[in-house]
């Protein structure tokens, strides 16, 4: 049995999305970093969305993003050992409940807080 060529196959066995993806990122001191996620089975994956609307519906309106082609996203994730790219995931888990708020106190504030306790 021969495999159909992409031009002859209406649903190729290795589909790639057309055009750049909307990739969720984290801003940092040196620029932005693509966010990595986990699949339901725990495998790390890079994520891209085919529209800003889909990204916003899944991750919320305050999620920063960049547009990257799928091969560029793969190239960014590969050095981290991530070989999977998930396009348009429909579900994300909520953040853990009861996670303590992280605060940064200056040394003077820490001393003041210790004196009050």
Protein backbone atom coordinates (compact mmCIF):
# COMPACT_ATOMS: atom_id res chain seq x y z
CA UNK A 1 0.00 0.00 0.00
CA UNK A 2 1.40 3.41 -0.91
CA UNK A 3 0.86 6.52 1.13
CA UNK A 4 -1.06 9.29 -0.61
CA UNK A 5 0.88 12.40 -1.53
CA UNK A 6 -0.09 15.57 0.32
CA UNK A 7 -1.57 17.14 -2.81
CA UNK A 8 -3.81 14.08 -3.35
CA UNK A 9 -4.80 13.58 0.27
CA UNK A 10 -7.55 15.89 1.62
CA UNK A 11 -6.38 15.12 5.19
CA UNK A 12 -2.62 14.55 5.21
CA UNK A 13 -1.23 12.21 7.83
CA UNK A 14 1.08 14.95 9.17
CA UNK A 15 -0.96 18.15 8.98
CA UNK A 16 0.63 21.50 9.72
CA UNK A 17 -1.40 24.61 10.34
CA UNK A 18 -1.30 27.22 7.64
CA UNK A 19 0.27 30.50 8.67
CA UNK A 20 1.79 31.71 11.91
CA UNK A 21 0.47 30.58 15.28
CA UNK A 22 -0.43 32.71 18.28
CA UNK A 23 2.02 31.42 20.91
CA UNK A 24 1.52 32.18 24.63
CA UNK A 25 4.61 33.74 26.18
CA UNK A 26 5.97 34.94 29.51
CA UNK A 27 7.67 38.32 29.54
CA UNK A 28 11.06 38.35 31.23
CA UNK A 29 14.10 40.57 31.69
CA UNK A 30 15.68 39.38 28.43
CA UNK A 31 12.50 39.36 26.35
CA UNK A 32 9.68 36.86 25.98
CA UNK A 33 9.79 33.10 26.51
CA UNK A 34 7.34 30.63 24.97
CA UNK A 35 5.23 28.99 27.66
CA UNK A 36 5.31 25.21 27.81
CA UNK A 37 2.38 23.15 29.02
CA UNK A 38 1.64 19.52 29.87
CA UNK A 39 -0.76 17.19 28.12
CA UNK A 40 -3.33 15.27 30.21
CA UNK A 41 -0.81 12.40 30.32
CA UNK A 42 1.94 14.68 31.64
CA UNK A 43 4.05 15.07 28.49
CA UNK A 44 5.52 18.53 27.99
CA UNK A 45 4.26 20.34 24.91
CA UNK A 46 4.60 23.69 23.21
CA UNK A 47 1.25 25.28 22.40
CA UNK A 48 0.06 27.47 19.54
CA UNK A 49 -3.35 28.79 18.54
CA UNK A 50 -4.67 29.52 15.07
CA UNK A 51 -6.35 32.75 16.22
CA UNK A 52 -6.04 35.31 19.00
CA UNK A 53 -9.70 34.60 19.84
CA UNK A 54 -8.95 30.93 20.52
CA UNK A 55 -5.93 31.80 22.66
CA UNK A 56 -8.01 34.29 24.68
CA UNK A 57 -10.88 31.83 25.10
CA UNK A 58 -8.51 29.21 26.51
CA UNK A 59 -5.95 31.23 28.50
CA UNK A 60 -7.76 34.49 29.21
CA UNK A 61 -7.54 38.04 27.90
CA UNK A 62 -4.37 38.98 29.80
CA UNK A 63 -2.17 36.22 28.32
CA UNK A 64 0.62 37.82 26.25
CA UNK A 65 1.41 36.17 22.93
CA UNK A 66 3.69 36.33 19.89
CA UNK A 67 3.14 35.10 16.36
CA UNK A 68 5.49 32.31 15.32
CA UNK A 69 5.49 29.78 12.52
CA UNK A 70 5.10 26.19 13.71
CA UNK A 71 8.67 25.22 12.69
CA UNK A 72 10.04 28.17 14.71
CA UNK A 73 8.02 27.09 17.76
CA UNK A 74 9.39 23.56 17.41
CA UNK A 75 12.93 24.91 17.11
CA UNK A 76 12.50 26.92 20.34
CA UNK A 77 11.13 23.95 22.29
CA UNK A 78 13.52 21.27 21.00
CA UNK A 79 16.60 22.29 23.07
CA UNK A 80 14.40 21.87 26.17
CA UNK A 81 13.55 18.30 25.17
CA UNK A 82 10.03 19.20 24.08
CA UNK A 83 9.12 17.58 20.77
CA UNK A 84 5.33 17.90 20.85
CA UNK A 85 3.41 20.92 19.59
CA UNK A 86 -0.29 21.13 20.42
CA UNK A 87 -2.40 23.38 18.20
CA UNK A 88 -5.65 24.88 19.53
CA UNK A 89 -5.97 23.00 22.83
CA UNK A 90 -9.50 23.39 24.18
CA UNK A 91 -8.88 22.76 27.84
CA UNK A 92 -6.47 24.04 30.43
CA UNK A 93 -6.44 23.22 34.10
CA UNK A 94 -7.08 26.05 36.53
CA UNK A 95 -4.20 27.26 38.69
CA UNK A 96 -3.81 25.40 42.00
CA UNK A 97 -6.21 26.61 44.69
CA UNK A 98 -4.82 27.96 47.91
CA UNK A 99 -1.49 28.87 46.38
CA UNK A 100 0.17 31.36 48.74
CA UNK A 101 0.71 34.85 47.40
CA UNK A 102 4.35 35.59 46.80
CA UNK A 103 5.54 38.85 48.31
CA UNK A 104 8.93 40.39 48.31
CA UNK A 105 9.92 42.28 51.44
CA UNK A 106 12.90 44.54 51.70
CA UNK A 107 15.35 43.74 54.53
CA UNK A 108 13.95 46.71 56.48
CA UNK A 109 10.36 45.45 56.02
CA UNK A 110 11.40 41.99 57.20
CA UNK A 111 12.90 43.46 60.35
CA UNK A 112 9.77 45.53 60.96
CA UNK A 113 7.56 42.47 60.41
CA UNK A 114 9.72 40.41 62.77
CA UNK A 115 9.53 43.13 65.44
CA UNK A 116 5.71 43.18 65.22
CA UNK A 117 5.38 39.39 65.57
